[in-house]
N, C-alpha and C. Protein backbone atom coordinates (compact mmCIF):
# COMPACT_ATOMS: atom_id res chain seq x y z
N MET A 1 86.66 63.36 106.03
CA MET A 1 85.50 63.47 105.17
C MET A 1 85.13 64.94 105.05
N HIS A 2 84.44 65.28 103.98
CA HIS A 2 84.06 66.66 103.69
C HIS A 2 82.60 66.86 104.09
N ILE A 3 82.36 67.92 104.89
CA ILE A 3 80.99 68.26 105.30
C ILE A 3 80.84 69.77 105.24
N GLY A 4 79.62 70.25 105.44
CA GLY A 4 79.36 71.68 105.54
C GLY A 4 78.64 71.96 106.85
N VAL A 5 78.83 73.18 107.36
CA VAL A 5 78.11 73.63 108.54
C VAL A 5 77.53 75.00 108.21
N ALA A 6 76.23 75.18 108.44
CA ALA A 6 75.55 76.42 108.07
C ALA A 6 74.84 77.03 109.28
N TYR A 7 74.89 78.37 109.34
CA TYR A 7 74.17 79.13 110.36
C TYR A 7 73.89 80.50 109.79
N ALA A 8 72.76 81.07 110.18
CA ALA A 8 72.42 82.44 109.76
C ALA A 8 71.80 83.17 110.94
N ASP A 9 72.30 84.38 111.19
CA ASP A 9 71.60 85.24 112.14
C ASP A 9 70.82 86.26 111.33
N ARG A 10 70.33 87.30 111.96
CA ARG A 10 69.51 88.27 111.23
C ARG A 10 70.30 89.04 110.18
N PHE A 11 71.61 89.09 110.32
CA PHE A 11 72.42 89.95 109.46
C PHE A 11 73.38 89.21 108.54
N LYS A 12 73.71 87.97 108.87
CA LYS A 12 74.78 87.29 108.14
C LYS A 12 74.47 85.80 108.00
N GLN A 13 74.80 85.25 106.85
CA GLN A 13 74.67 83.82 106.61
C GLN A 13 76.06 83.24 106.40
N VAL A 14 76.32 82.10 107.04
CA VAL A 14 77.62 81.47 106.92
C VAL A 14 77.42 80.01 106.55
N TRP A 15 78.16 79.58 105.54
CA TRP A 15 78.19 78.16 105.18
C TRP A 15 79.65 77.80 104.98
N LEU A 16 80.16 76.99 105.91
CA LEU A 16 81.56 76.61 105.89
C LEU A 16 81.70 75.18 105.39
N LYS A 17 82.71 74.96 104.57
CA LYS A 17 83.05 73.60 104.13
C LYS A 17 84.25 73.17 104.95
N LEU A 18 84.14 71.98 105.55
CA LEU A 18 85.18 71.51 106.46
C LEU A 18 85.62 70.09 106.14
N ASP A 19 86.82 69.77 106.54
CA ASP A 19 87.30 68.39 106.58
C ASP A 19 87.28 67.98 108.04
N VAL A 20 86.56 66.91 108.34
CA VAL A 20 86.47 66.40 109.71
C VAL A 20 86.80 64.91 109.70
N PRO A 21 87.18 64.38 110.86
CA PRO A 21 87.50 62.94 110.92
C PRO A 21 86.26 62.08 110.65
N ASP A 22 86.46 60.91 110.10
CA ASP A 22 85.36 59.95 109.92
C ASP A 22 84.73 59.67 111.28
N GLY A 23 83.42 59.51 111.29
CA GLY A 23 82.70 59.22 112.53
C GLY A 23 82.42 60.45 113.38
N CYS A 24 82.67 61.62 112.83
CA CYS A 24 82.46 62.87 113.54
C CYS A 24 80.96 63.05 113.84
N SER A 25 80.65 63.58 115.03
CA SER A 25 79.25 63.86 115.37
C SER A 25 78.87 65.27 114.95
N VAL A 26 77.59 65.55 114.96
CA VAL A 26 77.09 66.89 114.64
C VAL A 26 77.72 67.90 115.59
N ARG A 27 77.72 67.62 116.89
CA ARG A 27 78.31 68.54 117.87
C ARG A 27 79.80 68.78 117.57
N GLU A 28 80.54 67.73 117.30
CA GLU A 28 81.97 67.86 117.02
C GLU A 28 82.21 68.71 115.78
N ALA A 29 81.37 68.54 114.76
CA ALA A 29 81.52 69.33 113.54
C ALA A 29 81.27 70.80 113.81
N ILE A 30 80.22 71.09 114.60
CA ILE A 30 79.91 72.49 114.94
C ILE A 30 81.07 73.09 115.73
N GLU A 31 81.57 72.37 116.70
CA GLU A 31 82.70 72.86 117.50
C GLU A 31 83.93 73.08 116.62
N HIS A 32 84.19 72.17 115.71
CA HIS A 32 85.34 72.26 114.80
C HIS A 32 85.20 73.46 113.84
N SER A 33 83.97 73.85 113.52
CA SER A 33 83.73 74.91 112.55
C SER A 33 84.14 76.29 113.04
N GLY A 34 84.16 76.50 114.36
CA GLY A 34 84.46 77.82 114.91
C GLY A 34 83.25 78.73 114.99
N LEU A 35 82.08 78.24 114.60
CA LEU A 35 80.88 79.08 114.63
C LEU A 35 80.47 79.47 116.05
N LEU A 36 80.78 78.63 117.04
CA LEU A 36 80.41 78.96 118.41
C LEU A 36 81.18 80.18 118.91
N GLU A 37 82.39 80.36 118.43
CA GLU A 37 83.17 81.55 118.77
C GLU A 37 82.71 82.76 117.95
N GLN A 38 82.38 82.53 116.69
CA GLN A 38 81.97 83.62 115.81
C GLN A 38 80.58 84.15 116.17
N PHE A 39 79.71 83.26 116.65
CA PHE A 39 78.34 83.63 117.02
C PHE A 39 78.08 83.16 118.46
N PRO A 40 78.52 83.94 119.46
CA PRO A 40 78.38 83.49 120.85
C PRO A 40 76.94 83.31 121.31
N GLU A 41 75.99 83.82 120.55
CA GLU A 41 74.58 83.63 120.90
C GLU A 41 74.06 82.22 120.63
N ILE A 42 74.82 81.42 119.89
CA ILE A 42 74.41 80.04 119.64
C ILE A 42 74.45 79.27 120.96
N ASP A 43 73.33 78.63 121.28
CA ASP A 43 73.22 77.82 122.49
C ASP A 43 72.75 76.43 122.07
N LEU A 44 73.68 75.51 121.96
CA LEU A 44 73.34 74.17 121.47
C LEU A 44 72.43 73.41 122.44
N ALA A 45 72.35 73.86 123.68
CA ALA A 45 71.43 73.23 124.63
C ALA A 45 69.98 73.63 124.35
N GLN A 46 69.79 74.75 123.65
CA GLN A 46 68.45 75.26 123.37
C GLN A 46 68.06 75.17 121.89
N GLN A 47 69.01 75.42 121.00
CA GLN A 47 68.71 75.48 119.58
C GLN A 47 68.70 74.10 118.95
N LYS A 48 67.86 73.96 117.94
CA LYS A 48 67.77 72.70 117.22
C LYS A 48 68.81 72.68 116.10
N VAL A 49 69.18 71.48 115.71
CA VAL A 49 70.13 71.28 114.62
C VAL A 49 69.55 70.27 113.65
N GLY A 50 70.06 70.29 112.43
CA GLY A 50 69.59 69.34 111.44
C GLY A 50 70.65 69.03 110.42
N ILE A 51 70.34 68.05 109.59
CA ILE A 51 71.18 67.68 108.46
C ILE A 51 70.30 67.77 107.23
N PHE A 52 70.66 68.66 106.32
CA PHE A 52 69.88 68.89 105.10
C PHE A 52 68.40 69.12 105.40
N GLY A 53 68.11 69.97 106.42
CA GLY A 53 66.74 70.36 106.70
C GLY A 53 65.93 69.38 107.53
N LYS A 54 66.54 68.31 107.98
CA LYS A 54 65.84 67.32 108.80
C LYS A 54 66.44 67.34 110.20
N LEU A 55 65.58 67.56 111.21
CA LEU A 55 66.06 67.65 112.59
C LEU A 55 66.83 66.38 112.98
N THR A 56 67.88 66.59 113.76
CA THR A 56 68.70 65.48 114.22
C THR A 56 69.26 65.81 115.60
N LYS A 57 69.92 64.85 116.21
CA LYS A 57 70.54 65.04 117.53
C LYS A 57 71.99 65.45 117.37
N LEU A 58 72.51 66.11 118.38
CA LEU A 58 73.92 66.52 118.38
C LEU A 58 74.86 65.32 118.35
N THR A 59 74.39 64.17 118.79
CA THR A 59 75.23 62.97 118.83
C THR A 59 75.21 62.18 117.52
N ALA A 60 74.38 62.59 116.56
CA ALA A 60 74.29 61.87 115.29
C ALA A 60 75.63 61.90 114.57
N LYS A 61 75.99 60.77 114.00
CA LYS A 61 77.24 60.67 113.24
C LYS A 61 77.01 61.15 111.81
N LEU A 62 77.99 61.84 111.29
CA LEU A 62 77.88 62.42 109.95
C LEU A 62 78.47 61.50 108.89
N SER A 63 77.98 61.68 107.68
CA SER A 63 78.53 61.00 106.51
C SER A 63 79.13 62.04 105.58
N ASP A 64 80.02 61.60 104.74
CA ASP A 64 80.68 62.49 103.79
C ASP A 64 79.64 63.25 102.96
N GLY A 65 79.85 64.56 102.82
CA GLY A 65 79.01 65.38 101.97
C GLY A 65 77.79 65.99 102.66
N GLU A 66 77.55 65.65 103.91
CA GLU A 66 76.35 66.18 104.58
C GLU A 66 76.55 67.63 105.02
N ARG A 67 75.42 68.34 105.19
CA ARG A 67 75.44 69.73 105.65
C ARG A 67 74.71 69.81 106.99
N VAL A 68 75.43 70.23 108.01
CA VAL A 68 74.87 70.46 109.34
C VAL A 68 74.29 71.87 109.36
N GLU A 69 73.10 72.01 109.92
CA GLU A 69 72.45 73.31 110.00
C GLU A 69 72.09 73.59 111.46
N ILE A 70 72.38 74.80 111.91
CA ILE A 70 72.02 75.25 113.25
C ILE A 70 70.84 76.19 113.07
N TYR A 71 69.72 75.89 113.71
CA TYR A 71 68.50 76.67 113.53
C TYR A 71 68.34 77.69 114.64
N ARG A 72 67.94 78.91 114.26
CA ARG A 72 67.64 79.95 115.24
C ARG A 72 66.21 79.77 115.74
N ASN A 73 65.96 80.31 116.93
CA ASN A 73 64.60 80.33 117.43
C ASN A 73 63.78 81.32 116.63
N ILE A 74 62.51 81.04 116.45
CA ILE A 74 61.62 81.96 115.76
C ILE A 74 61.40 83.16 116.66
N THR A 75 61.58 84.36 116.10
CA THR A 75 61.43 85.57 116.91
C THR A 75 60.06 86.21 116.75
N ALA A 76 59.32 85.81 115.74
CA ALA A 76 57.97 86.34 115.52
C ALA A 76 57.04 85.17 115.24
N ASP A 77 55.88 85.21 115.84
CA ASP A 77 54.90 84.15 115.63
C ASP A 77 54.20 84.38 114.30
N PRO A 78 54.37 83.48 113.32
CA PRO A 78 53.76 83.68 112.01
C PRO A 78 52.23 83.73 112.07
N GLU A 79 51.65 83.20 113.14
CA GLU A 79 50.19 83.24 113.28
C GLU A 79 49.68 84.64 113.62
N THR A 80 50.54 85.45 114.26
CA THR A 80 50.09 86.76 114.71
C THR A 80 50.66 87.92 113.90
N VAL A 81 51.65 87.67 113.10
CA VAL A 81 52.25 88.73 112.29
C VAL A 81 51.33 89.03 111.11
N GLU A 82 51.08 90.33 110.89
CA GLU A 82 50.24 90.70 109.76
C GLU A 82 50.94 90.36 108.46
N ARG A 83 50.15 89.90 107.51
CA ARG A 83 50.71 89.58 106.20
C ARG A 83 50.98 90.86 105.43
N ARG A 84 52.05 90.86 104.68
CA ARG A 84 52.34 92.00 103.80
C ARG A 84 51.40 91.91 102.61
N ASP A 85 50.90 93.06 102.19
CA ASP A 85 50.06 93.08 100.99
C ASP A 85 50.95 92.91 99.78
N MET A 86 50.62 91.92 99.00
CA MET A 86 51.35 91.65 97.77
C MET A 86 50.55 92.24 96.61
N PRO A 87 51.21 92.93 95.70
CA PRO A 87 50.48 93.50 94.56
C PRO A 87 49.92 92.38 93.67
N ASP A 88 48.76 92.65 93.15
CA ASP A 88 48.17 91.71 92.20
C ASP A 88 48.88 91.81 90.87
N ASP A 89 48.84 90.72 90.12
CA ASP A 89 49.45 90.73 88.79
C ASP A 89 48.73 91.70 87.86
N ASP A 90 47.47 92.02 88.21
CA ASP A 90 46.66 92.88 87.35
C ASP A 90 47.02 94.35 87.54
N ASP A 91 47.74 94.68 88.60
CA ASP A 91 48.06 96.10 88.86
C ASP A 91 49.15 96.61 87.97
């Protein structure tokens, strides 16, 4: 079956299209993708994963056409980061 696996660090975004066996789990797809070797900072024991933006477990079985996403931890608290001033349309 055809699936995608996506990950982005601060500098690079990767979206790979893969052929995996039917009944493949999220973890198996990530391992098959090679992203764990390409991005050694990925820690599946700590980071969350999802399918099309919805959180899921590593043991979830995939269906044809789905996109697995590996989420990074938030490095800045949006509650404490100052907002950038956006120019008004009137300026």
